[in-house]
């Protein structure tokens, strides 16, 4: 996914829909390590997506953070849900600090 971040917004939007669905599914995996890894991968991609200079003035934050909402709704594992909340808080804090600079 990271290698495709330079694609135009229309193409990236289609890729993001597929990637996000896969990562949400993996975040609900029965094996905790797989689920935690998927949430962390989602965090990394969302952070890079929100940091893209091209999309600085585009209001895509809701779309980018939507997979975390799906993880919170679909996953029963408490530690995975907690990591998802921490990731959203971290991404939002990073975005807020970047906006100040």
Protein backbone atom coordinates (compact mmCIF):
# COMPACT_ATOMS: atom_id res chain seq x y z
CA UNK A 1 0.00 0.00 0.00
CA UNK A 2 2.78 2.41 0.88
CA UNK A 3 4.30 2.01 -2.59
CA UNK A 4 1.00 3.18 -4.11
CA UNK A 5 0.65 6.33 -1.98
CA UNK A 6 1.89 8.51 -4.82
CA UNK A 7 -1.06 7.57 -7.04
CA UNK A 8 -3.76 10.12 -7.74
CA UNK A 9 -6.55 10.51 -5.21
CA UNK A 10 -9.15 8.67 -7.31
CA UNK A 11 -6.96 5.59 -7.74
CA UNK A 12 -5.78 5.69 -4.13
CA UNK A 13 -9.40 5.87 -2.94
CA UNK A 14 -10.21 2.62 -4.70
CA UNK A 15 -7.07 0.96 -3.34
CA UNK A 16 -7.81 2.26 0.16
CA UNK A 17 -11.28 0.67 0.16
CA UNK A 18 -9.79 -2.76 -0.52
CA UNK A 19 -6.80 -2.37 1.80
CA UNK A 20 -8.90 -1.01 4.67
CA UNK A 21 -11.38 -3.89 4.38
CA UNK A 22 -8.54 -6.43 4.48
CA UNK A 23 -6.93 -4.80 7.50
CA UNK A 24 -10.24 -4.57 9.36
CA UNK A 25 -10.80 -8.28 8.70
CA UNK A 26 -7.29 -9.10 9.89
CA UNK A 27 -7.85 -6.94 12.96
CA UNK A 28 -10.64 -9.32 13.98
CA UNK A 29 -8.44 -12.40 13.49
CA UNK A 30 -8.60 -15.11 16.13
CA UNK A 31 -4.86 -14.91 16.81
CA UNK A 32 -4.16 -11.83 18.90
CA UNK A 33 -0.74 -11.14 17.34
CA UNK A 34 -2.20 -11.07 13.84
CA UNK A 35 -4.99 -8.74 14.98
CA UNK A 36 -2.60 -6.36 16.75
CA UNK A 37 -0.24 -6.33 13.78
CA UNK A 38 -3.14 -5.45 11.46
CA UNK A 39 -4.25 -2.55 13.67
CA UNK A 40 -0.68 -1.25 13.78
CA UNK A 41 -0.36 -1.53 9.99
CA UNK A 42 -3.61 0.39 9.68
CA UNK A 43 -2.23 3.09 12.00
CA UNK A 44 0.91 3.44 9.93
CA UNK A 45 -0.99 3.74 6.66
CA UNK A 46 -3.46 6.26 8.06
CA UNK A 47 -0.63 8.37 9.45
CA UNK A 48 1.11 8.41 6.07
CA UNK A 49 -2.15 9.11 4.27
CA UNK A 50 -2.94 12.08 6.49
CA UNK A 51 0.60 13.40 6.11
CA UNK A 52 0.48 13.55 2.32
CA UNK A 53 1.14 17.14 1.31
CA UNK A 54 -1.07 16.79 -1.80
CA UNK A 55 -4.09 16.05 0.38
CA UNK A 56 -3.37 18.71 2.98
CA UNK A 57 -6.51 20.71 2.23
CA UNK A 58 -8.70 17.73 1.37
CA UNK A 59 -11.12 16.68 4.08
CA UNK A 60 -10.38 12.96 4.03
CA UNK A 61 -9.72 12.43 7.72
CA UNK A 62 -13.11 10.83 8.31
CA UNK A 63 -12.61 8.35 5.47
CA UNK A 64 -9.10 7.54 6.66
CA UNK A 65 -10.21 6.90 10.25
CA UNK A 66 -13.35 4.94 9.34
CA UNK A 67 -11.56 1.53 9.43
CA UNK A 68 -10.80 2.08 13.11
CA UNK A 69 -14.51 2.51 13.76
CA UNK A 70 -15.13 -0.78 11.98
CA UNK A 71 -12.49 -2.48 14.14
CA UNK A 72 -14.14 -1.13 17.29
CA UNK A 73 -17.55 -2.37 16.16
CA UNK A 74 -16.50 -5.78 14.85
CA UNK A 75 -13.71 -6.94 17.14
CA UNK A 76 -14.50 -8.55 20.48
CA UNK A 77 -10.91 -8.67 21.76
CA UNK A 78 -10.42 -5.92 24.37
CA UNK A 79 -6.69 -5.42 23.75
CA UNK A 80 -7.26 -4.99 20.01
CA UNK A 81 -10.01 -2.44 20.63
CA UNK A 82 -7.78 -0.61 23.09
CA UNK A 83 -4.95 -0.46 20.54
CA UNK A 84 -7.37 0.88 17.92
CA UNK A 85 -8.41 3.70 20.26
CA UNK A 86 -4.77 4.46 21.08
CA UNK A 87 -3.92 4.55 17.37
CA UNK A 88 -6.71 7.03 16.63
CA UNK A 89 -5.55 9.22 19.50
CA UNK A 90 -1.94 9.05 18.27
CA UNK A 91 -2.86 9.84 14.66
CA UNK A 92 -5.06 12.77 15.75
CA UNK A 93 -2.35 14.14 18.04
CA UNK A 94 0.24 13.86 15.27
CA UNK A 95 -2.09 15.57 12.78
CA UNK A 96 -2.80 18.37 15.25
CA UNK A 97 0.90 18.95 15.93
CA UNK A 98 1.66 18.94 12.19
CA UNK A 99 -1.06 21.51 11.59
CA UNK A 100 0.50 23.86 14.15
CA UNK A 101 3.90 23.67 12.46
